[in-house]
């Protein structure tokens, strides 16, 4: 059985809600989903999983959350080459530039993006939640 990690940071609960739907999609596809907050995941754990979904909202000037998520993700970057991943998150302003930058960073690291990233403005609606479930299924 495939093992998929869903790793996220959430300040308002929006990205956490998305992470839970990603995990539901993984499980619906017949794989094992393990959900972690960024504070409870580190680069050494990557080897335990067949794929990883990373979720982080846009912060400040359209960037990743800097105190917990970004340091964890930066430590994972050297190990992303050839690894299947997916990205998701919410935003409250801007137009999603943080996600485009994040995708470019991951491609530059050699990661294999399993599907289109999922972003939503503020709280995820039914369409965004369905996209999160599809993202989870795409990681298999």
N, C-alpha and C. Protein backbone atom coordinates (compact mmCIF):
# COMPACT_ATOMS: atom_id res chain seq x y z
N UNK A 1 0.84 -1.18 0.00
CA UNK A 1 0.00 0.00 0.00
C UNK A 1 0.89 1.24 0.00
N UNK A 2 0.57 2.19 -0.85
CA UNK A 2 1.32 3.45 -0.90
C UNK A 2 1.09 4.26 0.37
N UNK A 3 2.14 4.93 0.78
CA UNK A 3 2.07 5.81 1.96
C UNK A 3 2.30 7.24 1.51
N UNK A 4 1.35 8.11 1.82
CA UNK A 4 1.41 9.51 1.40
C UNK A 4 1.39 10.40 2.64
N UNK A 5 2.31 11.36 2.68
CA UNK A 5 2.33 12.35 3.77
C UNK A 5 1.61 13.60 3.30
N UNK A 6 0.80 14.16 4.16
CA UNK A 6 0.15 15.46 3.93
C UNK A 6 0.70 16.38 5.02
N UNK A 7 1.50 17.36 4.60
CA UNK A 7 2.21 18.24 5.54
C UNK A 7 1.72 19.66 5.31
N UNK A 8 1.28 20.34 6.37
CA UNK A 8 0.70 21.66 6.17
C UNK A 8 1.00 22.58 7.35
N UNK A 9 0.78 23.87 7.11
CA UNK A 9 0.74 24.90 8.15
C UNK A 9 -0.54 25.68 7.92
N UNK A 10 -1.24 26.02 9.00
CA UNK A 10 -2.49 26.76 8.86
C UNK A 10 -2.63 27.72 10.03
N UNK A 11 -2.90 28.97 9.72
CA UNK A 11 -3.11 29.96 10.77
C UNK A 11 -4.58 30.17 11.10
N UNK A 12 -5.45 30.03 10.10
CA UNK A 12 -6.87 30.30 10.29
C UNK A 12 -7.73 29.04 10.22
N UNK A 13 -7.13 27.93 9.82
CA UNK A 13 -7.87 26.69 9.65
C UNK A 13 -8.23 26.38 8.21
N UNK A 14 -8.07 27.35 7.30
CA UNK A 14 -8.42 27.11 5.90
C UNK A 14 -7.52 26.05 5.27
N UNK A 15 -6.21 26.18 5.44
CA UNK A 15 -5.30 25.21 4.84
C UNK A 15 -5.40 23.86 5.56
N UNK A 16 -5.70 23.87 6.84
CA UNK A 16 -5.92 22.61 7.55
C UNK A 16 -7.12 21.87 6.97
N UNK A 17 -8.19 22.60 6.69
CA UNK A 17 -9.37 21.98 6.09
C UNK A 17 -9.02 21.38 4.73
N UNK A 18 -8.20 22.07 3.96
CA UNK A 18 -7.76 21.56 2.67
C UNK A 18 -6.92 20.29 2.86
N UNK A 19 -6.04 20.30 3.85
CA UNK A 19 -5.19 19.13 4.12
C UNK A 19 -6.03 17.90 4.44
N UNK A 20 -7.07 18.09 5.22
CA UNK A 20 -7.95 16.96 5.58
C UNK A 20 -8.62 16.38 4.32
N UNK A 21 -9.00 17.25 3.39
CA UNK A 21 -9.62 16.76 2.15
C UNK A 21 -8.60 16.06 1.26
N UNK A 22 -7.36 16.55 1.24
CA UNK A 22 -6.30 15.86 0.49
C UNK A 22 -6.15 14.45 1.06
N UNK A 23 -6.09 14.32 2.38
CA UNK A 23 -5.96 13.01 3.01
C UNK A 23 -7.14 12.11 2.67
N UNK A 24 -8.34 12.67 2.63
CA UNK A 24 -9.52 11.87 2.25
C UNK A 24 -9.37 11.34 0.83
N UNK A 25 -8.84 12.17 -0.07
CA UNK A 25 -8.62 11.73 -1.45
C UNK A 25 -7.60 10.61 -1.53
N UNK A 26 -6.53 10.71 -0.76
CA UNK A 26 -5.51 9.66 -0.70
C UNK A 26 -6.16 8.35 -0.24
N UNK A 27 -6.93 8.42 0.83
CA UNK A 27 -7.56 7.23 1.38
C UNK A 27 -8.60 6.64 0.43
N UNK A 28 -9.34 7.50 -0.25
CA UNK A 28 -10.35 7.03 -1.20
C UNK A 28 -9.71 6.28 -2.37
N UNK A 29 -8.45 6.64 -2.67
CA UNK A 29 -7.73 5.98 -3.75
C UNK A 29 -7.06 4.69 -3.28
N UNK A 30 -7.19 4.37 -1.99
CA UNK A 30 -6.67 3.12 -1.48
C UNK A 30 -5.29 3.17 -0.87
N UNK A 31 -4.80 4.36 -0.57
CA UNK A 31 -3.48 4.50 0.04
C UNK A 31 -3.61 4.94 1.49
N UNK A 32 -2.50 4.90 2.19
CA UNK A 32 -2.44 5.34 3.58
C UNK A 32 -2.01 6.80 3.62
N UNK A 33 -2.79 7.63 4.30
CA UNK A 33 -2.47 9.05 4.44
C UNK A 33 -2.05 9.34 5.87
N UNK A 34 -0.93 10.03 6.02
CA UNK A 34 -0.47 10.49 7.32
C UNK A 34 -0.42 12.01 7.27
N UNK A 35 -1.14 12.66 8.18
CA UNK A 35 -1.25 14.11 8.18
C UNK A 35 -0.36 14.67 9.28
N UNK A 36 0.47 15.66 8.92
CA UNK A 36 1.41 16.29 9.84
C UNK A 36 1.30 17.81 9.75
N UNK A 37 1.43 18.48 10.88
CA UNK A 37 1.67 19.92 10.82
C UNK A 37 3.15 20.09 10.48
N UNK A 38 3.51 21.25 9.97
CA UNK A 38 4.90 21.51 9.60
C UNK A 38 5.84 21.33 10.79
N UNK A 39 5.39 21.67 11.97
CA UNK A 39 6.22 21.55 13.17
C UNK A 39 6.52 20.09 13.52
N UNK A 40 5.72 19.17 13.02
CA UNK A 40 5.88 17.75 13.36
C UNK A 40 6.48 16.92 12.22
N UNK A 41 7.02 17.59 11.21
CA UNK A 41 7.59 16.88 10.05
C UNK A 41 8.98 17.43 9.79
N UNK A 42 9.88 16.56 9.35
CA UNK A 42 11.20 17.04 8.95
C UNK A 42 11.69 16.24 7.76
N UNK A 43 12.77 16.70 7.15
CA UNK A 43 13.28 16.12 5.91
C UNK A 43 13.62 14.64 6.06
N UNK A 44 14.04 14.21 7.23
CA UNK A 44 14.40 12.81 7.42
C UNK A 44 13.20 11.89 7.26
N UNK A 45 12.01 12.39 7.41
CA UNK A 45 10.80 11.57 7.28
C UNK A 45 10.40 11.34 5.83
N UNK A 46 10.95 12.11 4.90
CA UNK A 46 10.56 11.98 3.49
C UNK A 46 10.71 10.54 3.00
N UNK A 47 11.75 9.86 3.42
CA UNK A 47 12.02 8.50 2.95
C UNK A 47 10.94 7.51 3.34
N UNK A 48 10.13 7.84 4.32
CA UNK A 48 9.07 6.94 4.78
C UNK A 48 7.85 6.93 3.85
N UNK A 49 7.81 7.88 2.91
CA UNK A 49 6.59 8.07 2.10
C UNK A 49 6.87 7.98 0.61
N UNK A 50 5.85 7.51 -0.12
CA UNK A 50 5.95 7.40 -1.58
C UNK A 50 5.73 8.74 -2.26
N UNK A 51 5.01 9.64 -1.60
CA UNK A 51 4.73 10.97 -2.14
C UNK A 51 4.34 11.89 -0.98
N UNK A 52 4.39 13.20 -1.24
CA UNK A 52 4.07 14.17 -0.20
C UNK A 52 3.23 15.30 -0.80
N UNK A 53 2.18 15.68 -0.08
CA UNK A 53 1.41 16.88 -0.40
C UNK A 53 1.81 17.93 0.63
N UNK A 54 2.27 19.08 0.15
CA UNK A 54 2.64 20.19 1.02
C UNK A 54 1.58 21.28 0.92
N UNK A 55 1.12 21.79 2.06
CA UNK A 55 0.11 22.84 2.06
C UNK A 55 0.53 24.01 2.94
N UNK A 56 0.46 25.21 2.37
CA UNK A 56 0.81 26.40 3.12
C UNK A 56 0.06 27.59 2.53
N UNK A 57 -0.50 28.44 3.36
CA UNK A 57 -1.16 29.64 2.85
C UNK A 57 -0.14 30.69 2.43
N UNK A 58 -0.61 31.64 1.68
CA UNK A 58 0.20 32.81 1.33
C UNK A 58 0.28 33.72 2.54
N UNK A 59 1.48 34.20 2.80
CA UNK A 59 1.69 35.10 3.94
C UNK A 59 2.34 36.38 3.44
N UNK A 60 2.15 37.46 4.17
CA UNK A 60 2.84 38.71 3.86
C UNK A 60 2.80 39.09 2.40
N UNK A 61 3.97 39.24 1.82
CA UNK A 61 4.10 39.63 0.40
C UNK A 61 4.10 38.38 -0.47
N UNK A 62 3.05 37.56 -0.34
CA UNK A 62 2.90 36.32 -1.10
C UNK A 62 4.12 35.43 -0.96
N UNK A 63 4.29 34.92 0.24
CA UNK A 63 5.39 34.02 0.54
C UNK A 63 4.90 32.92 1.47
N UNK A 64 5.71 31.88 1.64
CA UNK A 64 5.39 30.80 2.56
C UNK A 64 5.53 31.30 4.00
N UNK A 65 4.79 30.69 4.91
CA UNK A 65 4.87 31.03 6.33
C UNK A 65 6.32 30.82 6.79
N UNK A 66 6.90 31.84 7.45
CA UNK A 66 8.34 31.87 7.70
C UNK A 66 8.84 31.21 8.97
N UNK A 67 8.02 31.06 9.99
CA UNK A 67 8.57 30.56 11.25
C UNK A 67 8.61 29.04 11.34
N UNK A 68 7.60 28.35 10.81
CA UNK A 68 7.57 26.89 10.88
C UNK A 68 7.64 26.23 9.51
N UNK A 69 6.79 26.67 8.58
CA UNK A 69 6.70 25.95 7.32
C UNK A 69 7.94 26.14 6.45
N UNK A 70 8.35 27.37 6.23
CA UNK A 70 9.46 27.61 5.30
C UNK A 70 10.75 26.92 5.74
N UNK A 71 11.14 26.97 7.03
CA UNK A 71 12.35 26.25 7.43
C UNK A 71 12.24 24.74 7.21
N UNK A 72 11.08 24.16 7.52
CA UNK A 72 10.87 22.73 7.29
C UNK A 72 10.98 22.41 5.82
N UNK A 73 10.31 23.23 4.97
CA UNK A 73 10.33 22.96 3.54
C UNK A 73 11.73 23.14 2.97
N UNK A 74 12.44 24.17 3.39
CA UNK A 74 13.82 24.40 2.91
C UNK A 74 14.70 23.19 3.23
N UNK A 75 14.51 22.58 4.39
CA UNK A 75 15.28 21.39 4.74
C UNK A 75 14.91 20.20 3.86
N UNK A 76 13.67 20.14 3.39
CA UNK A 76 13.23 19.06 2.51
C UNK A 76 13.72 19.23 1.07
N UNK A 77 13.94 20.47 0.65
CA UNK A 77 14.27 20.74 -0.75
C UNK A 77 15.39 19.88 -1.34
N UNK A 78 16.51 19.69 -0.66
CA UNK A 78 17.56 18.87 -1.26
C UNK A 78 17.16 17.42 -1.52
N UNK A 79 16.08 16.97 -0.90
CA UNK A 79 15.63 15.58 -1.04
C UNK A 79 14.42 15.44 -1.96
N UNK A 80 14.03 16.52 -2.66
CA UNK A 80 12.84 16.47 -3.50
C UNK A 80 13.09 15.95 -4.91
N UNK A 81 14.34 15.85 -5.32
CA UNK A 81 14.65 15.39 -6.67
C UNK A 81 14.05 14.03 -6.96
N UNK A 82 13.24 13.94 -8.01
CA UNK A 82 12.61 12.70 -8.42
C UNK A 82 11.44 12.27 -7.54
N UNK A 83 11.09 13.07 -6.55
CA UNK A 83 10.01 12.73 -5.62
C UNK A 83 8.68 13.32 -6.11
N UNK A 84 7.62 12.52 -6.04
CA UNK A 84 6.28 12.98 -6.43
C UNK A 84 5.70 13.80 -5.29
N UNK A 85 5.29 15.03 -5.62
CA UNK A 85 4.69 15.92 -4.62
C UNK A 85 3.49 16.63 -5.23
N UNK A 86 2.74 17.31 -4.38
CA UNK A 86 1.66 18.19 -4.80
C UNK A 86 1.60 19.34 -3.80
N UNK A 87 1.09 20.49 -4.25
CA UNK A 87 1.06 21.70 -3.44
C UNK A 87 -0.37 22.24 -3.34
N UNK A 88 -0.69 22.81 -2.18
CA UNK A 88 -2.01 23.42 -2.00
C UNK A 88 -1.91 24.51 -0.94
N UNK A 89 -2.89 25.41 -0.93
CA UNK A 89 -2.94 26.44 0.09
C UNK A 89 -3.99 27.49 -0.21
N UNK A 90 -4.22 28.34 0.77
CA UNK A 90 -5.21 29.41 0.62
C UNK A 90 -4.50 30.76 0.70
N UNK A 91 -5.22 31.79 0.29
CA UNK A 91 -4.67 33.14 0.32
C UNK A 91 -5.77 34.12 0.61
N UNK A 92 -5.40 35.28 1.12
CA UNK A 92 -6.39 36.29 1.44
C UNK A 92 -6.26 37.55 0.60
N UNK A 93 -5.19 37.66 -0.13
CA UNK A 93 -4.94 38.83 -0.97
C UNK A 93 -3.99 38.41 -2.07
N UNK A 94 -3.79 39.26 -3.03
CA UNK A 94 -2.89 38.94 -4.14
C UNK A 94 -3.58 38.02 -5.14
N UNK A 95 -2.79 37.50 -6.04
CA UNK A 95 -3.36 36.68 -7.11
C UNK A 95 -2.77 35.30 -7.23
N UNK A 96 -2.12 34.82 -6.18
CA UNK A 96 -1.56 33.47 -6.23
C UNK A 96 -0.11 33.40 -6.65
N UNK A 97 0.57 34.53 -6.67
CA UNK A 97 1.98 34.54 -7.08
C UNK A 97 2.83 33.60 -6.22
N UNK A 98 2.51 33.51 -4.92
CA UNK A 98 3.29 32.64 -4.04
C UNK A 98 3.27 31.20 -4.52
N UNK A 99 2.14 30.74 -5.04
CA UNK A 99 2.04 29.36 -5.51
C UNK A 99 2.86 29.16 -6.77
N UNK A 100 2.80 30.12 -7.70
CA UNK A 100 3.60 30.00 -8.92
C UNK A 100 5.09 29.97 -8.59
N UNK A 101 5.51 30.80 -7.65
CA UNK A 101 6.91 30.82 -7.23
C UNK A 101 7.28 29.50 -6.56
N UNK A 102 6.41 28.99 -5.72
CA UNK A 102 6.65 27.73 -5.02
C UNK A 102 6.76 26.58 -6.02
N UNK A 103 5.88 26.55 -7.01
CA UNK A 103 5.94 25.51 -8.05
C UNK A 103 7.28 25.57 -8.79
N UNK A 104 7.71 26.77 -9.15
CA UNK A 104 8.99 26.92 -9.85
C UNK A 104 10.14 26.43 -8.98
N UNK A 105 10.10 26.76 -7.70
CA UNK A 105 11.13 26.29 -6.78
C UNK A 105 11.17 24.76 -6.76
N UNK A 106 10.01 24.14 -6.65
CA UNK A 106 9.94 22.68 -6.60
C UNK A 106 10.45 22.05 -7.89
N UNK A 107 10.06 22.60 -9.01
CA UNK A 107 10.57 22.07 -10.29
C UNK A 107 12.09 22.21 -10.35
N UNK A 108 12.60 23.35 -9.90
CA UNK A 108 14.04 23.56 -9.85
C UNK A 108 14.75 22.57 -8.95
N UNK A 109 14.06 22.10 -7.92
CA UNK A 109 14.60 21.09 -7.01
C UNK A 109 14.53 19.68 -7.61
N UNK A 110 13.86 19.56 -8.76
CA UNK A 110 13.72 18.25 -9.40
C UNK A 110 12.51 17.46 -8.96
N UNK A 111 11.62 18.09 -8.20
CA UNK A 111 10.40 17.41 -7.76
C UNK A 111 9.48 17.16 -8.95
N UNK A 112 8.68 16.12 -8.84
CA UNK A 112 7.69 15.78 -9.86
C UNK A 112 6.33 16.20 -9.34
N UNK A 113 5.77 17.26 -9.91
CA UNK A 113 4.45 17.73 -9.48
C UNK A 113 3.39 16.79 -10.06
N UNK A 114 2.64 16.14 -9.17
CA UNK A 114 1.69 15.11 -9.56
C UNK A 114 0.47 15.65 -10.30
N UNK A 115 0.16 16.94 -10.06
CA UNK A 115 -1.04 17.53 -10.65
C UNK A 115 -0.95 19.05 -10.49
N UNK A 116 -1.95 19.74 -11.01
CA UNK A 116 -2.02 21.18 -10.80
C UNK A 116 -2.19 21.46 -9.31
N UNK A 117 -1.55 22.51 -8.85
CA UNK A 117 -1.69 22.91 -7.45
C UNK A 117 -3.10 23.44 -7.22
N UNK A 118 -3.53 23.38 -5.95
CA UNK A 118 -4.87 23.87 -5.60
C UNK A 118 -4.71 25.08 -4.69
N UNK A 119 -5.31 26.19 -5.11
CA UNK A 119 -5.34 27.39 -4.26
C UNK A 119 -6.78 27.87 -4.18
N UNK A 120 -7.09 28.53 -3.08
CA UNK A 120 -8.41 29.13 -2.95
C UNK A 120 -8.28 30.42 -2.16
N UNK A 121 -9.19 31.33 -2.43
CA UNK A 121 -9.22 32.61 -1.74
C UNK A 121 -10.04 32.45 -0.47
N UNK A 122 -9.36 32.67 0.68
CA UNK A 122 -9.98 32.55 2.01
C UNK A 122 -10.40 31.11 2.27
N UNK A 123 -11.59 30.88 2.82
CA UNK A 123 -12.04 29.53 3.16
C UNK A 123 -12.34 28.74 1.89
N UNK A 124 -11.94 27.47 1.86
CA UNK A 124 -12.21 26.66 0.66
C UNK A 124 -13.71 26.40 0.50
N UNK A 125 -14.18 26.59 -0.73
CA UNK A 125 -15.57 26.27 -1.03
C UNK A 125 -15.63 24.82 -1.51
N UNK A 126 -16.82 24.38 -1.92
CA UNK A 126 -17.00 22.99 -2.34
C UNK A 126 -16.10 22.64 -3.53
N UNK A 127 -15.92 23.57 -4.45
CA UNK A 127 -15.07 23.33 -5.61
C UNK A 127 -13.62 23.12 -5.20
N UNK A 128 -13.13 23.97 -4.31
CA UNK A 128 -11.74 23.84 -3.83
C UNK A 128 -11.56 22.54 -3.04
N UNK A 129 -12.54 22.18 -2.23
CA UNK A 129 -12.44 20.95 -1.45
C UNK A 129 -12.44 19.72 -2.36
N UNK A 130 -13.25 19.75 -3.42
CA UNK A 130 -13.24 18.64 -4.39
C UNK A 130 -11.89 18.57 -5.10
N UNK A 131 -11.31 19.73 -5.40
CA UNK A 131 -9.99 19.77 -6.04
C UNK A 131 -8.92 19.21 -5.10
N UNK A 132 -9.06 19.44 -3.81
CA UNK A 132 -8.13 18.89 -2.82
C UNK A 132 -8.22 17.37 -2.78
N UNK A 133 -9.44 16.86 -2.82
CA UNK A 133 -9.60 15.40 -2.86
C UNK A 133 -8.96 14.81 -4.11
N UNK A 134 -9.16 15.47 -5.26
CA UNK A 134 -8.54 15.01 -6.51
C UNK A 134 -7.02 15.08 -6.43
N UNK A 135 -6.50 16.11 -5.79
CA UNK A 135 -5.06 16.23 -5.59
C UNK A 135 -4.54 15.02 -4.79
N UNK A 136 -5.26 14.64 -3.75
CA UNK A 136 -4.87 13.48 -2.97
C UNK A 136 -4.84 12.20 -3.80
N UNK A 137 -5.83 12.02 -4.65
CA UNK A 137 -5.88 10.83 -5.51
C UNK A 137 -4.75 10.84 -6.53
N UNK A 138 -4.35 12.03 -6.99
CA UNK A 138 -3.31 12.14 -8.01
C UNK A 138 -1.92 11.75 -7.49
N UNK A 139 -1.75 11.71 -6.20
CA UNK A 139 -0.44 11.37 -5.63
C UNK A 139 -0.12 9.88 -5.70
N UNK A 140 -1.07 9.06 -6.08
CA UNK A 140 -0.80 7.62 -6.19
C UNK A 140 -0.24 7.25 -7.54
